[in-house]
Amino acid sequence: GVFTAALREAIADGTVDMAVHSYKDLPTATDPRFVIAAIPVRTDARDALVARDGMVLGELPTGSVIGTSSPRRAAQLRALGLGL
């Protein structure tokens, strides 16, 4: 619910017509004001790294900064020991 509260209110007050969000972040209790209109078939569950200059993870220089809000992804990056 925390991640989607602003989206729910924007839909409710007419600021936006619809929102797309990760299903895992939706509140467990449904809100009768809204309908989950579609749930696409999941095709690839892997994460994606988007880096400048076409670099891949192993090519990032020591001290590179990678942004993520996910504690799981941050722990995985630290575990690689790449000095990021």
PDB file of N, CA and C in Angstrom:
ATOM      1  N   GLY A   1       0.754  -1.203   0.000  1.00  0.00           N
ATOM      2  CA  GLY A   1       0.000   0.000   0.000  1.00  0.00           C
ATOM      3  C   GLY A   1       0.805   1.283   0.000  1.00  0.00           C
ATOM      4  N   VAL A   2       1.944   1.325   0.687  1.00  0.00           N
ATOM      5  CA  VAL A   2       2.704   2.574   0.784  1.00  0.00           C
ATOM      6  C   VAL A   2       3.141   3.060  -0.587  1.00  0.00           C
ATOM      7  N   PHE A   3       3.625   2.150  -1.425  1.00  0.00           N
ATOM      8  CA  PHE A   3       4.130   2.534  -2.742  1.00  0.00           C
ATOM      9  C   PHE A   3       3.020   2.978  -3.682  1.00  0.00           C
ATOM     10  N   THR A   4       1.803   2.527  -3.432  1.00  0.00           N
ATOM     11  CA  THR A   4       0.715   2.815  -4.364  1.00  0.00           C
ATOM     12  C   THR A   4      -0.266   3.861  -3.864  1.00  0.00           C
ATOM     13  N   ALA A   5      -0.103   4.361  -2.655  1.00  0.00           N
ATOM     14  CA  ALA A   5      -1.066   5.312  -2.081  1.00  0.00           C
ATOM     15  C   ALA A   5      -1.243   6.549  -2.950  1.00  0.00           C
ATOM     16  N   ALA A   6      -0.155   7.138  -3.410  1.00  0.00           N
ATOM     17  CA  ALA A   6      -0.252   8.347  -4.243  1.00  0.00           C
ATOM     18  C   ALA A   6      -0.945   8.040  -5.565  1.00  0.00           C
ATOM     19  N   LEU A   7      -0.671   6.863  -6.118  1.00  0.00           N
ATOM     20  CA  LEU A   7      -1.331   6.478  -7.368  1.00  0.00           C
ATOM     21  C   LEU A   7      -2.827   6.295  -7.160  1.00  0.00           C
ATOM     22  N   ARG A   8      -3.212   5.637  -6.077  1.00  0.00           N
ATOM     23  CA  ARG A   8      -4.640   5.440  -5.797  1.00  0.00           C
ATOM     24  C   ARG A   8      -5.356   6.772  -5.669  1.00  0.00           C
ATOM     25  N   GLU A   9      -4.746   7.694  -4.953  1.00  0.00           N
ATOM     26  CA  GLU A   9      -5.386   9.002  -4.769  1.00  0.00           C
ATOM     27  C   GLU A   9      -5.449   9.790  -6.069  1.00  0.00           C
ATOM     28  N   ALA A  10      -4.423   9.683  -6.906  1.00  0.00           N
ATOM     29  CA  ALA A  10      -4.430  10.386  -8.197  1.00  0.00           C
ATOM     30  C   ALA A  10      -5.532   9.844  -9.106  1.00  0.00           C
ATOM     31  N   ILE A  11      -5.768   8.544  -9.058  1.00  0.00           N
ATOM     32  CA  ILE A  11      -6.875   7.975  -9.836  1.00  0.00           C
ATOM     33  C   ILE A  11      -8.201   8.454  -9.249  1.00  0.00           C
ATOM     34  N   ALA A  12      -8.327   8.393  -7.935  1.00  0.00           N
ATOM     35  CA  ALA A  12      -9.581   8.765  -7.271  1.00  0.00           C
ATOM     36  C   ALA A  12      -9.962  10.218  -7.519  1.00  0.00           C
ATOM     37  N   ASP A  13      -8.972  11.115  -7.540  1.00  0.00           N
ATOM     38  CA  ASP A  13      -9.313  12.535  -7.726  1.00  0.00           C
ATOM     39  C   ASP A  13      -9.299  12.968  -9.189  1.00  0.00           C
ATOM     40  N   GLY A  14      -9.058  12.014 -10.096  1.00  0.00           N
ATOM     41  CA  GLY A  14      -9.129  12.317 -11.520  1.00  0.00           C
ATOM     42  C   GLY A  14      -7.876  12.927 -12.114  1.00  0.00           C
ATOM     43  N   THR A  15      -6.790  12.995 -11.338  1.00  0.00           N
ATOM     44  CA  THR A  15      -5.530  13.535 -11.852  1.00  0.00           C
ATOM     45  C   THR A  15      -4.981  12.657 -12.972  1.00  0.00           C
ATOM     46  N   VAL A  16      -5.132  11.340 -12.822  1.00  0.00           N
ATOM     47  CA  VAL A  16      -4.716  10.388 -13.858  1.00  0.00           C
ATOM     48  C   VAL A  16      -5.881   9.457 -14.164  1.00  0.00           C
ATOM     49  N   ASP A  17      -5.842   8.839 -15.328  1.00  0.00           N
ATOM     50  CA  ASP A  17      -6.907   7.924 -15.733  1.00  0.00           C
ATOM     51  C   ASP A  17      -6.625   6.480 -15.336  1.00  0.00           C
ATOM     52  N   MET A  18      -5.358   6.130 -15.282  1.00  0.00           N
ATOM     53  CA  MET A  18      -4.979   4.771 -14.896  1.00  0.00           C
ATOM     54  C   MET A  18      -3.544   4.776 -14.394  1.00  0.00           C
ATOM     55  N   ALA A  19      -3.143   3.691 -13.750  1.00  0.00           N
ATOM     56  CA  ALA A  19      -1.769   3.561 -13.265  1.00  0.00           C
ATOM     57  C   ALA A  19      -1.301   2.131 -13.497  1.00  0.00           C
ATOM     58  N   VAL A  20      -0.017   1.983 -13.704  1.00  0.00           N
ATOM     59  CA  VAL A  20       0.602   0.666 -13.851  1.00  0.00           C
ATOM     60  C   VAL A  20       1.587   0.517 -12.701  1.00  0.00           C
ATOM     61  N   HIS A  21       1.487  -0.577 -11.984  1.00  0.00           N
ATOM     62  CA  HIS A  21       2.365  -0.758 -10.834  1.00  0.00           C
ATOM     63  C   HIS A  21       2.655  -2.234 -10.642  1.00  0.00           C
ATOM     64  N   SER A  22       3.714  -2.528  -9.912  1.00  0.00           N
ATOM     65  CA  SER A  22       4.089  -3.899  -9.599  1.00  0.00           C
ATOM     66  C   SER A  22       3.029  -4.526  -8.689  1.00  0.00           C
ATOM     67  N   TYR A  23       2.534  -5.687  -9.075  1.00  0.00           N
ATOM     68  CA  TYR A  23       1.467  -6.359  -8.325  1.00  0.00           C
ATOM     69  C   TYR A  23       1.866  -6.619  -6.875  1.00  0.00           C
ATOM     70  N   LYS A  24       3.130  -6.919  -6.650  1.00  0.00           N
ATOM     71  CA  LYS A  24       3.588  -7.233  -5.293  1.00  0.00           C
ATOM     72  C   LYS A  24       3.454  -6.050  -4.345  1.00  0.00           C
ATOM     73  N   ASP A  25       3.370  -4.836  -4.870  1.00  0.00           N
ATOM     74  CA  ASP A  25       3.278  -3.649  -4.025  1.00  0.00           C
ATOM     75  C   ASP A  25       1.842  -3.199  -3.765  1.00  0.00           C
ATOM     76  N   LEU A  26       0.876  -3.887  -4.354  1.00  0.00           N
ATOM     77  CA  LEU A  26      -0.517  -3.514  -4.115  1.00  0.00           C
ATOM     78  C   LEU A  26      -0.928  -3.930  -2.708  1.00  0.00           C
ATOM     79  N   PRO A  27      -1.856  -3.191  -2.104  1.00  0.00           N
ATOM     80  CA  PRO A  27      -2.313  -3.571  -0.763  1.00  0.00           C
ATOM     81  C   PRO A  27      -3.009  -4.934  -0.795  1.00  0.00           C
ATOM     82  N   THR A  28      -2.942  -5.663   0.311  1.00  0.00           N
ATOM     83  CA  THR A  28      -3.577  -6.978   0.351  1.00  0.00           C
ATOM     84  C   THR A  28      -5.096  -6.866   0.377  1.00  0.00           C
ATOM     85  N   ALA A  29      -5.620  -5.814   0.979  1.00  0.00           N
ATOM     86  CA  ALA A  29      -7.070  -5.580   0.979  1.00  0.00           C
ATOM     87  C   ALA A  29      -7.429  -4.770  -0.262  1.00  0.00           C
ATOM     88  N   THR A  30      -8.421  -5.241  -0.999  1.00  0.00           N
ATOM     89  CA  THR A  30      -8.820  -4.528  -2.210  1.00  0.00           C
ATOM     90  C   THR A  30      -9.604  -3.269  -1.860  1.00  0.00           C
ATOM     91  N   ASP A  31      -9.517  -2.303  -2.724  1.00  0.00           N
ATOM     92  CA  ASP A  31     -10.240  -1.042  -2.576  1.00  0.00           C
ATOM     93  C   ASP A  31     -11.404  -1.080  -3.561  1.00  0.00           C
ATOM     94  N   PRO A  32     -12.637  -1.001  -3.086  1.00  0.00           N
ATOM     95  CA  PRO A  32     -13.788  -1.130  -3.986  1.00  0.00           C
ATOM     96  C   PRO A  32     -13.880  -0.031  -5.043  1.00  0.00           C
ATOM     97  N   ARG A  33     -13.111   1.036  -4.906  1.00  0.00           N
ATOM     98  CA  ARG A  33     -13.139   2.116  -5.904  1.00  0.00           C
ATOM     99  C   ARG A  33     -12.395   1.738  -7.174  1.00  0.00           C
ATOM    100  N   PHE A  34     -11.567   0.694  -7.113  1.00  0.00           N
ATOM    101  CA  PHE A  34     -10.683   0.388  -8.229  1.00  0.00           C
ATOM    102  C   PHE A  34     -10.836  -1.049  -8.708  1.00  0.00           C
ATOM    103  N   VAL A  35     -10.444  -1.259  -9.950  1.00  0.00           N
ATOM    104  CA  VAL A  35     -10.452  -2.584 -10.564  1.00  0.00           C
ATOM    105  C   VAL A  35      -9.047  -2.861 -11.088  1.00  0.00           C
ATOM    106  N   ILE A  36      -8.542  -4.048 -10.824  1.00  0.00           N
ATOM    107  CA  ILE A  36      -7.293  -4.468 -11.469  1.00  0.00           C
ATOM    108  C   ILE A  36      -7.710  -4.936 -12.856  1.00  0.00           C
ATOM    109  N   ALA A  37      -7.437  -4.113 -13.844  1.00  0.00           N
ATOM    110  CA  ALA A  37      -7.965  -4.337 -15.190  1.00  0.00           C
ATOM    111  C   ALA A  37      -7.201  -5.395 -15.968  1.00  0.00           C
ATOM    112  N   ALA A  38      -5.943  -5.609 -15.652  1.00  0.00           N
ATOM    113  CA  ALA A  38      -5.157  -6.593 -16.396  1.00  0.00           C
ATOM    114  C   ALA A  38      -3.953  -7.024 -15.575  1.00  0.00           C
ATOM    115  N   ILE A  39      -3.598  -8.275 -15.726  1.00  0.00           N
ATOM    116  CA  ILE A  39      -2.365  -8.810 -15.150  1.00  0.00           C
ATOM    117  C   ILE A  39      -1.659  -9.533 -16.290  1.00  0.00           C
ATOM    118  N   PRO A  40      -0.602  -8.929 -16.847  1.00  0.00           N
ATOM    119  CA  PRO A  40       0.059  -9.563 -17.990  1.00  0.00           C
ATOM    120  C   PRO A  40       0.775 -10.850 -17.584  1.00  0.00           C
ATOM    121  N   VAL A  41       0.946 -11.714 -18.542  1.00  0.00           N
ATOM    122  CA  VAL A  41       1.687 -12.954 -18.316  1.00  0.00           C
ATOM    123  C   VAL A  41       3.147 -12.594 -18.076  1.00  0.00           C
ATOM    124  N   ARG A  42       3.721 -13.176 -17.046  1.00  0.00           N
ATOM    125  CA  ARG A  42       5.127 -12.905 -16.737  1.00  0.00           C
ATOM    126  C   ARG A  42       5.994 -13.728 -17.677  1.00  0.00           C
ATOM    127  N   THR A  43       6.906 -13.059 -18.342  1.00  0.00           N
ATOM    128  CA  THR A  43       7.743 -13.775 -19.297  1.00  0.00           C
ATOM    129  C   THR A  43       9.168 -13.964 -18.802  1.00  0.00           C
ATOM    130  N   ASP A  44       9.765 -12.949 -18.229  1.00  0.00           N
ATOM    131  CA  ASP A  44      11.156 -13.034 -17.803  1.00  0.00           C
ATOM    132  C   ASP A  44      11.294 -12.360 -16.444  1.00  0.00           C
ATOM    133  N   ALA A  45      11.643 -13.135 -15.443  1.00  0.00           N
ATOM    134  CA  ALA A  45      11.711 -12.615 -14.079  1.00  0.00           C
ATOM    135  C   ALA A  45      13.063 -12.016 -13.718  1.00  0.00           C
ATOM    136  N   ARG A  46      14.004 -12.041 -14.655  1.00  0.00           N
ATOM    137  CA  ARG A  46      15.334 -11.516 -14.335  1.00  0.00           C
ATOM    138  C   ARG A  46      15.316  -9.995 -14.247  1.00  0.00           C
ATOM    139  N   ASP A  47      16.210  -9.462 -13.412  1.00  0.00           N
ATOM    140  CA  ASP A  47      16.389  -8.017 -13.324  1.00  0.00           C
ATOM    141  C   ASP A  47      17.197  -7.541 -14.522  1.00  0.00           C
ATOM    142  N   ALA A  48      17.119  -6.264 -14.791  1.00  0.00           N
ATOM    143  CA  ALA A  48      17.889  -5.678 -15.889  1.00  0.00           C
ATOM    144  C   ALA A  48      18.774  -4.570 -15.342  1.00  0.00           C
ATOM    145  N   LEU A  49      20.003  -4.510 -15.817  1.00  0.00           N
ATOM    146  CA  LEU A  49      20.917  -3.422 -15.478  1.00  0.00           C
ATOM    147  C   LEU A  49      20.952  -2.481 -16.672  1.00  0.00           C
ATOM    148  N   VAL A  50      20.704  -1.223 -16.410  1.00  0.00           N
ATOM    149  CA  VAL A  50      20.781  -0.210 -17.461  1.00  0.00           C
ATOM    150  C   VAL A  50      21.974   0.672 -17.121  1.00  0.00           C
ATOM    151  N   ALA A  51      23.015   0.614 -17.960  1.00  0.00           N
ATOM    152  CA  ALA A  51      24.242   1.368 -17.705  1.00  0.00           C
ATOM    153  C   ALA A  51      24.607   2.186 -18.935  1.00  0.00           C
ATOM    154  N   ARG A  52      25.316   3.271 -18.702  1.00  0.00           N
ATOM    155  CA  ARG A  52      25.725   4.109 -19.836  1.00  0.00           C
ATOM    156  C   ARG A  52      26.849   3.432 -20.618  1.00  0.00           C
ATOM    157  N   ASP A  53      27.029   3.867 -21.805  1.00  0.00           N
ATOM    158  CA  ASP A  53      28.116   3.409 -22.676  1.00  0.00           C
ATOM    159  C   ASP A  53      28.077   1.913 -22.968  1.00  0.00           C
ATOM    160  N   GLY A  54      26.910   1.283 -22.818  1.00  0.00           N
ATOM    161  CA  GLY A  54      26.779  -0.131 -23.146  1.00  0.00           C
ATOM    162  C   GLY A  54      27.521  -1.080 -22.222  1.00  0.00           C
ATOM    163  N   MET A  55      27.945  -0.602 -21.050  1.00  0.00           N
ATOM    164  CA  MET A  55      28.701  -1.460 -20.131  1.00  0.00           C
ATOM    165  C   MET A  55      27.803  -2.530 -19.524  1.00  0.00           C
ATOM    166  N   VAL A  56      28.411  -3.651 -19.176  1.00  0.00           N
ATOM    167  CA  VAL A  56      27.736  -4.704 -18.425  1.00  0.00           C
ATOM    168  C   VAL A  56      28.276  -4.667 -17.001  1.00  0.00           C
ATOM    169  N   LEU A  57      27.632  -5.382 -16.102  1.00  0.00           N
ATOM    170  CA  LEU A  57      27.966  -5.303 -14.677  1.00  0.00           C
ATOM    171  C   LEU A  57      29.456  -5.493 -14.399  1.00  0.00           C
ATOM    172  N   GLY A  58      30.080  -6.474 -14.993  1.00  0.00           N
ATOM    173  CA  GLY A  58      31.489  -6.752 -14.745  1.00  0.00           C
ATOM    174  C   GLY A  58      32.443  -5.706 -15.285  1.00  0.00           C
ATOM    175  N   GLU A  59      31.953  -4.798 -16.133  1.00  0.00           N
ATOM    176  CA  GLU A  59      32.804  -3.752 -16.717  1.00  0.00           C
ATOM    177  C   GLU A  59      32.715  -2.426 -15.971  1.00  0.00           C
ATOM    178  N   LEU A  60      31.800  -2.309 -15.011  1.00  0.00           N
ATOM    179  CA  LEU A  60      31.677  -1.047 -14.281  1.00  0.00           C
ATOM    180  C   LEU A  60      32.931  -0.813 -13.455  1.00  0.00           C
ATOM    181  N   PRO A  61      33.457   0.407 -13.472  1.00  0.00           N
ATOM    182  CA  PRO A  61      34.672   0.686 -12.707  1.00  0.00           C
ATOM    183  C   PRO A  61      34.423   0.607 -11.201  1.00  0.00           C
ATOM    184  N   THR A  62      35.466   0.265 -10.449  1.00  0.00           N
ATOM    185  CA  THR A  62      35.380   0.253  -8.996  1.00  0.00           C
ATOM    186  C   THR A  62      34.891   1.612  -8.525  1.00  0.00           C
ATOM    187  N   GLY A  63      33.976   1.593  -7.572  1.00  0.00           N
ATOM    188  CA  GLY A  63      33.421   2.838  -7.045  1.00  0.00           C
ATOM    189  C   GLY A  63      32.192   3.325  -7.792  1.00  0.00           C
ATOM    190  N   SER A  64      31.783   2.595  -8.833  1.00  0.00           N
ATOM    191  CA  SER A  64      30.567   2.980  -9.555  1.00  0.00           C
ATOM    192  C   SER A  64      29.382   2.965  -8.595  1.00  0.00           C
ATOM    193  N   VAL A  65      28.424   3.805  -8.845  1.00  0.00           N
ATOM    194  CA  VAL A  65      27.223   3.889  -8.007  1.00  0.00           C
ATOM    195  C   VAL A  65      26.057   3.296  -8.784  1.00  0.00           C
ATOM    196  N   ILE A  66      25.383   2.337  -8.167  1.00  0.00           N
ATOM    197  CA  ILE A  66      24.197   1.730  -8.762  1.00  0.00           C
ATOM    198  C   ILE A  66      23.017   2.065  -7.865  1.00  0.00           C
ATOM    199  N   GLY A  67      21.969   2.616  -8.440  1.00  0.00           N
ATOM    200  CA  GLY A  67      20.783   2.978  -7.664  1.00  0.00           C
ATOM    201  C   GLY A  67      19.760   1.854  -7.665  1.00  0.00           C
ATOM    202  N   THR A  68      19.259   1.516  -6.485  1.00  0.00           N
ATOM    203  CA  THR A  68      18.161   0.562  -6.351  1.00  0.00           C
ATOM    204  C   THR A  68      17.433   0.862  -5.055  1.00  0.00           C
ATOM    205  N   SER A  69      16.137   0.638  -5.046  1.00  0.00           N
ATOM    206  CA  SER A  69      15.374   0.798  -3.805  1.00  0.00           C
ATOM    207  C   SER A  69      15.120  -0.559  -3.161  1.00  0.00           C
ATOM    208  N   SER A  70      15.656  -1.609  -3.755  1.00  0.00           N
ATOM    209  CA  SER A  70      15.416  -2.963  -3.274  1.00  0.00           C
ATOM    210  C   SER A  70      16.549  -3.448  -2.376  1.00  0.00           C
ATOM    211  N   PRO A  71      16.252  -3.752  -1.111  1.00  0.00           N
ATOM    212  CA  PRO A  71      17.288  -4.311  -0.233  1.00  0.00           C
ATOM    213  C   PRO A  71      17.859  -5.620  -0.786  1.00  0.00           C
ATOM    214  N   ARG A  72      17.023  -6.427  -1.432  1.00  0.00           N
ATOM    215  CA  ARG A  72      17.488  -7.696  -2.003  1.00  0.00           C
ATOM    216  C   ARG A  72      18.519  -7.450  -3.095  1.00  0.00           C
ATOM    217  N   ARG A  73      18.240  -6.522  -4.002  1.00  0.00           N
ATOM    218  CA  ARG A  73      19.191  -6.233  -5.080  1.00  0.00           C
ATOM    219  C   ARG A  73      20.478  -5.625  -4.519  1.00  0.00           C
ATOM    220  N   ALA A  74      20.358  -4.749  -3.529  1.00  0.00           N
ATOM    221  CA  ALA A  74      21.550  -4.147  -2.919  1.00  0.00           C
ATOM    222  C   ALA A  74      22.428  -5.234  -2.295  1.00  0.00           C
ATOM    223  N   ALA A  75      21.814  -6.183  -1.599  1.00  0.00           N
ATOM    224  CA  ALA A  75      22.573  -7.278  -0.981  1.00  0.00           C
ATOM    225  C   ALA A  75      23.238  -8.148  -2.046  1.00  0.00           C
ATOM    226  N   GLN A  76      22.535  -8.403  -3.135  1.00  0.00           N
ATOM    227  CA  GLN A  76      23.122  -9.204  -4.213  1.00  0.00           C
ATOM    228  C   GLN A  76      24.325  -8.501  -4.827  1.00  0.00           C
ATOM    229  N   LEU A  77      24.225  -7.196  -5.020  1.00  0.00           N
ATOM    230  CA  LEU A  77      25.348  -6.439  -5.585  1.00  0.00           C
ATOM    231  C   LEU A  77      26.544  -6.439  -4.635  1.00  0.00           C
ATOM    232  N   ARG A  78      26.288  -6.249  -3.330  1.00  0.00           N
ATOM    233  CA  ARG A  78      27.386  -6.282  -2.346  1.00  0.00           C
ATOM    234  C   ARG A  78      28.050  -7.659  -2.334  1.00  0.00           C
ATOM    235  N   ALA A  79      27.250  -8.705  -2.446  1.00  0.00           N
ATOM    236  CA  ALA A  79      27.778 -10.072  -2.399  1.00  0.00           C
ATOM    237  C   ALA A  79      28.705 -10.373  -3.574  1.00  0.00           C
ATOM    238  N   LEU A  80      28.541  -9.667  -4.668  1.00  0.00           N
ATOM    239  CA  LEU A  80      29.420  -9.881  -5.820  1.00  0.00           C
ATOM    240  C   LEU A  80      30.843  -9.404  -5.553  1.00  0.00           C
ATOM    241  N   GLY A  81      31.010  -8.500  -4.579  1.00  0.00           N
ATOM    242  CA  GLY A  81      32.341  -8.025  -4.210  1.00  0.00           C
ATOM    243  C   GLY A  81      33.052  -7.252  -5.303  1.00  0.00           C
ATOM    244  N   LEU A  82      32.314  -6.489  -6.079  1.00  0.00           N
ATOM    245  CA  LEU A  82      32.913  -5.741  -7.184  1.00  0.00           C
ATOM    246  C   LEU A  82      33.378  -4.341  -6.783  1.00  0.00           C
ATOM    247  N   GLY A  83      33.199  -3.978  -5.523  1.00  0.00           N
ATOM    248  CA  GLY A  83      33.619  -2.647  -5.081  1.00  0.00           C
ATOM    249  C   GLY A  83      32.704  -1.543  -5.581  1.00  0.00           C
ATOM    250  N   LEU A  84      31.458  -1.886  -5.836  1.00  0.00           N
ATOM    251  CA  LEU A  84      30.492  -0.896  -6.329  1.00  0.00           C
ATOM    252  C   LEU A  84      29.888  -0.128  -5.177  1.00  0.00           C
TER     253      LEU A  84
END
